[in-house]
Amino acid sequence: MKFSPAGDPANPANPEPDRLAATLDDRMSRLEIRASLSLASLFALRMFGLFLILPVFAIHAVHLSGGDSQFLVGLALGAYGLTQGVLQIPFGMASDRWGRKPVIVFGLLLFAAGSFVAAMATSIEMTIVGRCIQGAGAISAAVVALAADLTRDQHRTKVMALIGASIGLTFAMSLMLAPALYRTIGMDGMFTLIGVLAFAAIGIVIAVVPSESLAAGLGAAQEGGREAPAAVLRADGASLGDVLRNPDLLRLNFGIFALHAVQMAMFVVVPVALVNSGHLPVEAHWKVYLPVVLVSFALMMPPIIVAERRGQLKRLFIAAVALMLAVQAGFALWLDHLPAVIALLTGFFIAFNILEATLPSLVTKIAPVSARGTAIGVYNTTQALGLFAGGAIGGLIAQHGGNVEVFVFGIVLIALWLVVSIGMNFPGQVTSRTLKLGSACDAVALRERLVLVRGVCDVVVMPEQGIAVLTVFAGAWDEQAALRTIGGEA
């Protein structure tokens, strides 16, 4: 039997698949919207718990046994990043093997347990133990991989932008709410609240986040008001070694390390600069951060949307890295001028948010389908290690050098990232192609074979409609191999 792309002019009898593919390609489905909002909420709840103590913990630590040691206070703040870094890869690999949701729920239980340990702590050492347990719930890889599973490539950067926006807004809210919460319920109450939020996140995972057995929201093509069934099991074949040997993934991993190292090093210096240059007490810093974050969100979304539509993601990515480099240079020159600091913070958050959205999106596009969780695990490991290294190196440089030298460190690191990024191969523009199924088939087995075809990003097989919808890199996928796979013959 002959199989051909649906909508071929030579075979015009059934225009429905073309209409279906166009609808699927042009807008996010209800399933994708639900997945995006629920996973962004999950990230926000968890990150709120991590960010909430940052503005007040150093003040509280002096009341703990051993809290007079600045080294131990810094270790308590950064310990979760270290354990996160160690465990991201195992959690990502586990999510590839046993599924995303079970791994996410287990990680949130660990995070809650660590929060309650920290709430009961009377010494800085016990707080460090609690923070280490918190960090052991390293679910970021599984959450991002689940977001990739439930969304199509052409919408994925927008989804990552939404997750990034939720994290940024959570950071701003934590700066605003932490002093009031500390005065009201104390540090033990704040840690207890963080544990309760972790249980709320588990409820979202179980009750709200779509099942990972649904493919990329394409099941939202409806027939009679119900979602069409789709075959979406992940295929086997890629390994940790494949991920670690991929040069483009290595470039992205270096990028996220550099981005978060610079972020942590920068915020060793910037809060002090706000106090010195603008005479702003710490409790008033939210008046700067909140407007800056909101303005940066408004300015970062249009270029992402335009770049995706026009296939110019590489230009946007390189421009964002260059903007980050300019911001570091600007801070080195004008750190003592409050208006300049506010403008530079706006530029920083614009670049940061664009890169936070595009980096994980690129990882999920470049990584083999069967190793997305593993690839995101490696990515989040380097992210967490960047946070840990940036805080340590930034503090060391500020203590023994000065504020300007901290930004010189940032300039060097971002300049190296810019050089590395210019030579990177970016995935081409994605599109959807619909192939007709001529007879009954094993939808799951067919899908597993199709995702291994060169240039195919994702596949949804819809037996009831008699089609397979492939998300592919335009101009780079092997259409003939896909047709042979469907037909079982050359």
Protein backbone atom coordinates (compact mmCIF):
# COMPACT_ATOMS: atom_id res chain seq x y z
CA MET A 1 0.00 0.00 0.00
CA LYS A 2 1.26 3.49 -0.85
CA PHE A 3 1.57 6.13 1.86
CA SER A 4 1.97 9.84 1.15
CA PRO A 5 1.91 13.10 3.08
CA ALA A 6 -1.65 14.13 3.88
CA GLY A 7 -2.90 17.02 1.81
CA ASP A 8 -0.80 16.10 -1.22
CA PRO A 9 -2.38 17.77 -4.30
CA ALA A 10 -2.47 14.35 -5.93
CA ASN A 11 -4.59 13.08 -3.09
CA PRO A 12 -7.03 15.88 -2.22
CA ALA A 13 -9.99 13.77 -1.17
CA ASN A 14 -9.46 14.26 2.54
CA PRO A 15 -8.46 17.84 3.49
CA GLU A 16 -9.17 17.24 7.19
CA PRO A 17 -5.59 16.22 8.16
CA ASP A 18 -4.21 19.44 6.65
CA ARG A 19 -6.72 21.50 8.60
CA LEU A 20 -5.90 19.54 11.73
CA ALA A 21 -2.14 19.97 11.30
CA ALA A 22 -2.51 23.70 10.69
CA THR A 23 -4.63 24.09 13.80
CA LEU A 24 -2.18 22.10 15.88
CA ASP A 25 0.79 24.07 14.60
CA ASP A 26 -0.59 27.60 14.94
CA ARG A 27 -1.62 27.81 18.56
CA MET A 28 -1.13 26.15 21.92
CA SER A 29 -3.72 23.52 22.76
CA ARG A 30 -5.71 23.50 25.97
CA LEU A 31 -3.54 20.63 27.16
CA GLU A 32 -0.36 22.63 26.53
CA ILE A 33 -1.78 25.68 28.32
CA ARG A 34 -2.80 23.53 31.29
CA ALA A 35 0.62 21.87 31.40
CA SER A 36 2.43 25.22 31.12
CA LEU A 37 0.46 26.95 33.87
CA SER A 38 0.53 24.02 36.28
CA LEU A 39 4.25 23.35 35.87
CA ALA A 40 5.03 27.07 36.17
CA SER A 41 2.99 27.10 39.40
CA LEU A 42 4.94 24.07 40.61
CA PHE A 43 8.24 25.82 39.94
CA ALA A 44 6.96 29.01 41.59
CA LEU A 45 5.90 27.25 44.80
CA ARG A 46 9.20 25.48 45.14
CA MET A 47 11.40 28.45 44.23
CA PHE A 48 9.42 30.69 46.58
CA GLY A 49 10.46 28.35 49.35
CA LEU A 50 14.10 28.65 48.33
CA PHE A 51 14.11 32.41 47.77
CA LEU A 52 12.07 33.38 50.81
CA ILE A 53 14.88 33.02 53.36
CA LEU A 54 17.57 34.81 51.34
CA PRO A 55 16.82 38.40 52.43
CA VAL A 56 16.58 37.57 56.17
CA PHE A 57 18.57 34.44 57.00
CA ALA A 58 21.87 36.24 57.65
CA ILE A 59 20.07 38.43 60.18
CA HIS A 60 18.49 35.41 61.86
CA ALA A 61 21.64 33.29 61.88
CA VAL A 62 23.26 35.24 64.72
CA HIS A 63 20.60 33.78 67.04
CA LEU A 64 21.64 30.21 66.20
CA SER A 65 24.42 28.29 67.86
CA GLY A 66 27.46 28.73 65.62
CA GLY A 67 25.72 31.42 63.59
CA ASP A 68 28.50 33.94 64.21
CA SER A 69 30.59 32.21 61.51
CA GLN A 70 30.03 33.93 58.15
CA PHE A 71 31.46 30.89 56.40
CA LEU A 72 28.83 28.60 57.98
CA VAL A 73 26.08 31.12 57.22
CA GLY A 74 27.17 31.17 53.59
CA LEU A 75 27.35 27.38 53.57
CA ALA A 76 23.80 27.19 54.91
CA LEU A 77 22.57 29.43 52.11
CA GLY A 78 24.49 27.60 49.37
CA ALA A 79 24.25 24.01 50.62
CA TYR A 80 21.04 23.32 48.70
CA GLY A 81 22.79 24.30 45.46
CA LEU A 82 25.57 21.81 46.10
CA THR A 83 23.27 18.84 46.75
CA GLN A 84 21.08 19.92 43.84
CA GLY A 85 24.13 19.84 41.61
CA VAL A 86 25.12 16.37 42.73
CA LEU A 87 21.65 14.85 42.33
CA GLN A 88 20.22 16.51 39.22
CA ILE A 89 21.64 13.89 36.84
CA PRO A 90 20.42 10.88 38.89
CA PHE A 91 16.95 12.43 39.20
CA GLY A 92 16.85 13.22 35.48
CA MET A 93 17.91 9.69 34.56
CA ALA A 94 15.37 8.27 37.01
CA SER A 95 12.62 10.31 35.34
CA ASP A 96 13.60 8.83 31.97
CA ARG A 97 13.39 5.32 33.43
CA TRP A 98 10.45 5.45 35.87
CA GLY A 99 8.46 8.45 34.70
CA ARG A 100 8.41 12.17 35.49
CA LYS A 101 5.61 12.43 38.06
CA PRO A 102 6.82 9.77 40.55
CA VAL A 103 10.28 11.36 40.61
CA ILE A 104 8.81 14.86 41.08
CA VAL A 105 6.62 13.76 44.00
CA PHE A 106 9.54 11.98 45.69
CA GLY A 107 11.74 15.07 45.31
CA LEU A 108 9.06 17.33 46.79
CA LEU A 109 8.74 15.00 49.79
CA LEU A 110 12.49 15.35 50.37
CA PHE A 111 12.22 19.12 50.01
CA ALA A 112 9.41 19.22 52.58
CA ALA A 113 11.38 17.00 54.99
CA GLY A 114 14.41 19.28 54.74
CA SER A 115 12.22 22.32 55.39
CA PHE A 116 10.84 20.81 58.61
CA VAL A 117 14.35 19.83 59.77
CA ALA A 118 15.50 23.42 59.23
CA ALA A 119 12.41 24.71 61.06
CA MET A 120 13.40 22.73 64.18
CA ALA A 121 17.09 23.67 64.00
CA THR A 122 18.68 25.47 66.95
CA SER A 123 22.20 25.46 65.48
CA ILE A 124 23.68 26.56 62.19
CA GLU A 125 24.94 23.00 61.62
CA MET A 126 21.42 21.55 61.84
CA THR A 127 20.19 24.25 59.46
CA ILE A 128 22.87 23.18 57.00
CA VAL A 129 21.62 19.58 57.27
CA GLY A 130 18.08 20.75 56.56
CA ARG A 131 19.21 22.80 53.57
CA CYS A 132 21.14 19.81 52.19
CA ILE A 133 18.00 17.66 52.44
CA GLN A 134 16.01 20.43 50.73
CA GLY A 135 18.49 20.46 47.86
CA ALA A 136 18.37 16.67 47.61
CA GLY A 137 14.87 17.06 46.16
CA ALA A 138 16.43 17.86 42.79
CA ILE A 139 13.30 17.86 40.64
CA SER A 140 14.12 20.61 38.13
CA ALA A 141 15.30 18.17 35.46
CA ALA A 142 12.16 16.05 35.72
CA VAL A 143 9.86 19.10 35.68
CA VAL A 144 11.49 20.65 32.61
CA ALA A 145 11.56 17.28 30.85
CA LEU A 146 7.85 16.86 31.60
CA ALA A 147 7.20 20.32 30.18
CA ALA A 148 9.06 19.23 27.04
CA ASP A 149 7.04 15.99 26.88
CA LEU A 150 3.75 17.87 27.06
CA THR A 151 4.49 20.69 24.61
CA ARG A 152 5.53 20.91 20.97
CA ASP A 153 8.86 22.39 19.90
CA GLN A 154 7.31 25.45 18.25
CA HIS A 155 5.75 26.46 21.58
CA ARG A 156 8.43 25.24 23.96
CA THR A 157 10.42 28.46 24.34
CA LYS A 158 7.21 30.27 25.30
CA VAL A 159 6.57 27.59 27.92
CA MET A 160 10.09 27.93 29.28
CA ALA A 161 9.62 31.72 29.29
CA LEU A 162 6.48 31.27 31.39
CA ILE A 163 8.37 29.06 33.83
CA GLY A 164 11.21 31.59 33.91
CA ALA A 165 8.72 34.41 34.47
CA SER A 166 7.16 32.54 37.38
CA ILE A 167 10.60 32.14 38.96
CA GLY A 168 11.41 35.84 38.46
CA LEU A 169 8.09 36.97 39.91
CA THR A 170 8.60 34.58 42.82
CA PHE A 171 12.02 36.11 43.46
CA ALA A 172 10.50 39.61 43.50
CA MET A 173 7.68 38.48 45.81
CA SER A 174 10.14 36.85 48.20
CA LEU A 175 12.13 40.08 48.47
CA MET A 176 8.93 41.94 49.30
CA LEU A 177 7.31 39.44 51.70
CA ALA A 178 10.28 37.96 53.58
CA PRO A 179 10.86 40.82 56.08
CA ALA A 180 7.17 40.96 57.04
CA LEU A 181 6.90 37.17 57.37
CA TYR A 182 10.06 37.04 59.48
CA ARG A 183 8.68 39.65 61.86
CA THR A 184 5.33 37.80 62.05
CA ILE A 185 6.13 34.08 62.22
CA GLY A 186 9.91 33.94 62.64
CA MET A 187 12.41 31.81 60.75
CA ASP A 188 11.02 28.54 62.10
CA GLY A 189 7.57 29.54 60.89
CA MET A 190 8.98 30.46 57.47
CA PHE A 191 10.65 27.07 57.08
CA THR A 192 7.40 25.38 58.17
CA LEU A 193 5.50 27.43 55.58
CA ILE A 194 8.00 26.31 52.95
CA GLY A 195 7.32 22.66 53.87
CA VAL A 196 3.56 23.24 53.59
CA LEU A 197 4.06 24.82 50.14
CA ALA A 198 5.92 21.67 49.09
CA PHE A 199 2.84 19.59 49.95
CA ALA A 200 0.71 22.04 47.99
CA ALA A 201 3.04 21.47 45.03
CA ILE A 202 2.54 17.70 45.36
CA GLY A 203 -1.20 18.29 45.14
CA ILE A 204 -0.69 20.23 41.89
CA VAL A 205 1.42 17.40 40.45
CA ILE A 206 -1.22 14.78 41.25
CA ALA A 207 -4.41 16.69 40.49
CA VAL A 208 -3.58 19.38 37.95
CA VAL A 209 -0.50 18.54 35.86
CA PRO A 210 -1.57 16.52 32.78
CA SER A 211 -0.62 12.88 32.56
CA GLU A 212 2.81 12.34 31.03
CA SER A 213 1.25 9.73 28.75
CA LEU A 214 -0.28 12.54 26.69
CA ALA A 215 1.80 13.83 23.81
CA ALA A 216 2.73 17.45 23.44
CA GLY A 217 -0.80 18.78 23.63
CA LEU A 218 -1.55 17.50 20.16
CA GLY A 219 -4.33 15.42 21.61
CA ALA A 220 -6.21 18.69 21.95
CA ALA A 221 -7.43 18.23 18.41
CA GLN A 222 -10.94 17.36 19.35
CA GLU A 223 -13.50 15.09 17.91
CA GLY A 224 -16.95 15.34 19.39
CA GLY A 225 -15.65 17.30 22.39
CA ARG A 226 -13.12 14.69 23.51
CA GLU A 227 -9.39 14.46 23.00
CA ALA A 228 -8.19 12.04 20.37
CA PRO A 229 -5.97 9.23 21.65
CA ALA A 230 -2.26 9.52 20.93
CA ALA A 231 0.72 7.22 21.25
CA VAL A 232 3.49 8.98 23.14
CA LEU A 233 5.83 6.57 24.89
CA ARG A 234 9.45 7.63 24.86
CA ALA A 235 11.86 5.57 22.80
CA ASP A 236 15.09 4.05 24.11
CA GLY A 237 18.52 4.47 22.60
CA ALA A 238 20.46 7.46 24.02
CA SER A 239 22.64 7.44 27.12
CA LEU A 240 24.44 9.76 29.54
CA GLY A 241 27.59 9.31 27.45
CA ASP A 242 25.77 10.56 24.35
CA VAL A 243 24.64 13.64 26.25
CA LEU A 244 28.12 14.36 27.63
CA ARG A 245 29.75 13.97 24.21
CA ASN A 246 27.37 16.31 22.38
CA PRO A 247 29.32 19.55 21.70
CA ASP A 248 26.24 21.75 21.44
CA LEU A 249 24.86 20.46 24.73
CA LEU A 250 28.26 21.12 26.31
CA ARG A 251 28.08 24.72 25.06
CA LEU A 252 24.63 25.14 26.59
CA ASN A 253 25.80 23.63 29.88
CA PHE A 254 28.71 26.05 30.03
CA GLY A 255 26.26 28.86 29.29
CA ILE A 256 23.94 28.09 32.19
CA PHE A 257 26.95 27.71 34.51
CA ALA A 258 28.26 31.12 33.44
CA LEU A 259 24.85 32.79 33.66
CA HIS A 260 24.17 31.70 37.24
CA ALA A 261 27.74 32.15 38.42
CA VAL A 262 27.58 35.76 37.26
CA GLN A 263 24.14 36.20 38.81
CA MET A 264 25.28 35.04 42.25
CA ALA A 265 28.55 36.97 42.11
CA MET A 266 26.68 40.11 41.05
CA PHE A 267 24.22 39.93 43.94
CA VAL A 268 27.06 39.75 46.42
CA VAL A 269 27.74 43.37 45.42
CA VAL A 270 24.53 44.96 44.08
CA PRO A 271 22.48 45.02 47.34
CA VAL A 272 25.31 46.85 49.08
CA ALA A 273 25.51 49.26 46.13
CA LEU A 274 21.80 50.03 46.47
CA VAL A 275 22.33 50.90 50.11
CA ASN A 276 25.41 53.02 49.45
CA SER A 277 24.41 54.79 46.24
CA GLY A 278 20.70 55.21 46.86
CA HIS A 279 20.54 55.19 50.67
CA LEU A 280 17.96 52.40 50.43
CA PRO A 281 17.63 50.15 53.48
CA VAL A 282 17.40 46.44 52.73
CA GLU A 283 13.67 46.32 53.47
CA ALA A 284 13.07 48.89 50.70
CA HIS A 285 15.00 47.07 47.96
CA TRP A 286 11.82 45.48 46.65
CA LYS A 287 10.82 48.94 45.42
CA VAL A 288 13.69 48.64 42.93
CA TYR A 289 13.53 44.92 42.15
CA LEU A 290 9.79 44.59 41.57
CA PRO A 291 9.43 47.31 38.89
CA VAL A 292 12.67 46.18 37.22
CA VAL A 293 11.49 42.56 37.02
CA LEU A 294 8.04 43.53 35.72
CA VAL A 295 9.46 45.85 33.04
CA SER A 296 11.98 43.21 31.98
CA PHE A 297 9.20 40.62 31.55
CA ALA A 298 7.25 43.01 29.36
CA LEU A 299 10.30 43.67 27.18
CA MET A 300 11.59 40.09 26.86
CA MET A 301 8.50 38.35 25.45
CA PRO A 302 8.12 40.20 22.09
CA PRO A 303 11.64 39.36 20.85
CA ILE A 304 11.20 35.70 21.82
CA ILE A 305 7.92 35.45 19.90
CA VAL A 306 9.33 37.23 16.83
CA ALA A 307 12.54 35.16 16.85
CA GLU A 308 10.61 31.88 16.98
CA ARG A 309 8.26 32.89 14.18
CA ARG A 310 11.10 34.01 11.91
CA GLY A 311 13.54 31.24 12.79
CA GLN A 312 16.07 33.71 14.25
CA LEU A 313 16.56 32.20 17.68
CA LYS A 314 20.34 32.16 17.32
CA ARG A 315 20.45 35.91 16.69
CA LEU A 316 18.31 36.56 19.75
CA PHE A 317 20.44 34.23 21.86
CA ILE A 318 23.72 35.86 20.82
CA ALA A 319 22.23 39.34 21.34
CA ALA A 320 21.12 38.40 24.88
CA VAL A 321 24.61 37.13 25.77
CA ALA A 322 26.11 40.35 24.33
CA LEU A 323 23.65 42.42 26.40
CA MET A 324 24.71 40.51 29.51
CA LEU A 325 28.34 41.32 28.70
CA ALA A 326 27.48 45.02 28.31
CA VAL A 327 25.64 44.98 31.64
CA GLN A 328 28.67 43.56 33.45
CA ALA A 329 30.86 46.27 31.94
CA GLY A 330 28.29 48.92 32.90
CA PHE A 331 28.23 47.79 36.52
CA ALA A 332 32.04 47.96 36.65
CA LEU A 333 31.87 51.61 35.50
CA TRP A 334 28.74 53.03 37.18
CA LEU A 335 28.05 50.97 40.29
CA ASP A 336 27.96 54.13 42.45
CA HIS A 337 25.15 55.83 40.49
CA LEU A 338 21.63 54.71 41.45
CA PRO A 339 19.88 55.58 38.14
CA ALA A 340 22.57 53.68 36.25
CA VAL A 341 22.25 50.70 38.60
CA ILE A 342 18.48 50.58 38.04
CA ALA A 343 18.91 50.76 34.25
CA LEU A 344 21.59 48.08 34.33
CA LEU A 345 19.42 45.84 36.50
CA THR A 346 16.66 46.17 33.90
CA GLY A 347 19.09 45.17 31.16
CA PHE A 348 20.35 42.29 33.27
CA PHE A 349 16.87 40.86 33.85
CA ILE A 350 15.91 41.25 30.16
CA ALA A 351 18.98 39.27 29.09
CA PHE A 352 18.68 36.84 32.00
CA ASN A 353 15.02 36.06 31.31
CA ILE A 354 15.58 35.55 27.57
CA LEU A 355 18.48 33.20 28.25
CA GLU A 356 16.61 31.39 31.02
CA ALA A 357 13.81 30.73 28.52
CA THR A 358 15.92 29.74 25.51
CA LEU A 359 18.62 27.64 27.20
CA PRO A 360 16.39 24.79 28.50
CA SER A 361 14.30 24.97 25.33
CA LEU A 362 17.44 24.42 23.23
CA VAL A 363 18.55 21.55 25.46
CA THR A 364 15.23 19.74 24.94
CA LYS A 365 15.41 20.31 21.18
CA ILE A 366 19.02 19.15 20.77
CA ALA A 367 18.95 16.21 23.21
CA PRO A 368 17.82 12.77 21.98
CA VAL A 369 14.13 12.23 22.74
CA SER A 370 14.87 9.22 24.95
CA ALA A 371 17.42 11.16 27.04
CA ARG A 372 15.68 14.49 27.62
CA GLY A 373 15.55 13.94 31.36
CA THR A 374 19.22 12.98 31.43
CA ALA A 375 20.21 16.02 29.34
CA ILE A 376 18.20 18.37 31.55
CA GLY A 377 19.77 16.66 34.58
CA VAL A 378 23.26 17.52 33.32
CA TYR A 379 22.07 21.03 32.46
CA ASN A 380 20.60 21.60 35.93
CA THR A 381 23.72 20.17 37.55
CA THR A 382 25.87 22.81 35.88
CA GLN A 383 23.25 25.45 36.77
CA ALA A 384 23.36 24.52 40.47
CA LEU A 385 27.16 24.36 40.48
CA GLY A 386 27.19 27.80 38.84
CA LEU A 387 25.11 29.17 41.71
CA PHE A 388 27.44 27.61 44.26
CA ALA A 389 30.64 28.66 42.49
CA GLY A 390 29.41 32.18 41.72
CA GLY A 391 28.50 32.92 45.30
CA ALA A 392 31.79 31.53 46.63
CA ILE A 393 34.02 33.16 44.01
CA GLY A 394 32.11 36.44 44.09
CA GLY A 395 32.39 36.65 47.87
CA LEU A 396 36.09 35.77 47.77
CA ILE A 397 36.83 38.39 45.10
CA ALA A 398 34.78 41.07 46.88
CA GLN A 399 36.55 40.37 50.18
CA HIS A 400 40.10 40.35 48.84
CA GLY A 401 39.75 42.55 45.75
CA GLY A 402 36.80 44.87 45.39
CA ASN A 403 33.45 45.42 43.75
CA VAL A 404 34.87 46.27 40.33
CA GLU A 405 36.88 43.06 40.29
CA VAL A 406 33.69 41.05 40.81
CA PHE A 407 32.34 42.45 37.55
CA VAL A 408 35.66 41.91 35.79
CA PHE A 409 35.17 38.24 36.68
CA GLY A 410 31.70 38.49 35.12
CA ILE A 411 33.06 40.17 31.99
CA VAL A 412 35.63 37.42 31.45
CA LEU A 413 33.14 34.61 31.98
CA ILE A 414 30.42 36.09 29.74
CA ALA A 415 32.93 37.02 27.03
CA LEU A 416 34.10 33.41 26.95
CA TRP A 417 30.47 32.28 26.71
CA LEU A 418 29.89 34.68 23.80
CA VAL A 419 32.83 33.21 21.89
CA VAL A 420 31.62 29.66 22.55
CA SER A 421 28.03 30.49 21.52
CA ILE A 422 28.93 32.01 18.14
CA GLY A 423 30.11 28.62 16.87
CA MET A 424 27.08 26.72 18.11
CA ASN A 425 24.72 24.89 15.77
CA PHE A 426 21.15 25.92 16.50
CA PRO A 427 18.19 23.70 15.57
CA GLY A 428 16.33 24.84 12.49
CA GLN A 429 12.80 26.17 12.49
CA VAL A 430 10.33 23.48 13.46
CA THR A 431 7.17 22.65 11.59
CA SER A 432 4.52 19.94 11.60
CA ARG A 433 4.02 17.36 8.85
CA THR A 434 1.07 15.00 8.67
CA LEU A 435 1.49 11.52 7.18
CA LYS A 436 -1.48 9.29 6.38
CA LEU A 437 -1.89 5.85 7.89
CA GLY A 438 -3.26 3.47 5.30
CA SER A 439 -4.37 0.66 7.60
CA ALA A 440 -4.54 -0.40 11.23
CA CYS A 441 -1.19 -0.22 13.02
CA ASP A 442 0.43 -0.57 16.43
CA ALA A 443 0.44 3.13 17.33
CA VAL A 444 2.95 2.86 20.17
CA ALA A 445 5.47 0.78 18.17
CA LEU A 446 5.12 3.06 15.15
CA ARG A 447 5.73 6.12 17.24
CA GLU A 448 8.85 4.58 18.79
CA ARG A 449 10.27 3.95 15.31
CA LEU A 450 9.39 7.36 13.93
CA VAL A 451 11.08 9.36 16.72
CA LEU A 452 14.38 7.73 15.70
CA VAL A 453 14.18 9.13 12.15
CA ARG A 454 16.68 11.92 11.50
CA GLY A 455 15.24 15.39 12.06
CA VAL A 456 12.07 14.22 13.79
CA CYS A 457 11.51 16.01 17.11
CA ASP A 458 8.29 14.40 18.23
CA VAL A 459 5.48 12.22 16.91
CA VAL A 460 1.82 11.76 17.70
CA VAL A 461 0.02 8.80 16.10
CA MET A 462 -3.77 9.24 15.84
CA PRO A 463 -5.30 5.96 14.64
CA GLU A 464 -8.87 7.24 14.77
CA GLN A 465 -8.00 10.08 12.37
CA GLY A 466 -5.75 7.83 10.30
CA ILE A 467 -2.74 10.15 10.60
CA ALA A 468 0.62 10.61 12.28
CA VAL A 469 1.59 14.21 13.09
CA LEU A 470 5.37 14.69 13.10
CA THR A 471 7.14 17.74 14.55
CA VAL A 472 10.29 18.09 12.44
CA PHE A 473 13.17 20.44 11.75
CA ALA A 474 12.29 22.03 8.41
CA GLY A 475 14.76 21.10 5.69
CA ALA A 476 16.67 18.69 7.91
CA TRP A 477 14.42 15.69 8.35
CA ASP A 478 14.43 12.47 6.35
CA GLU A 479 10.92 12.36 4.89
CA GLN A 480 11.57 9.25 2.81
CA ALA A 481 12.78 7.33 5.85
CA ALA A 482 9.61 8.36 7.70
CA LEU A 483 7.46 7.14 4.81
CA ARG A 484 9.35 3.84 4.69
CA THR A 485 8.88 3.47 8.45
CA ILE A 486 5.13 3.93 8.13
CA GLY A 487 4.84 1.69 5.10
CA GLY A 488 7.27 -0.96 6.21
CA GLU A 489 8.71 -0.98 2.70
CA ALA A 490 11.06 1.07 0.57
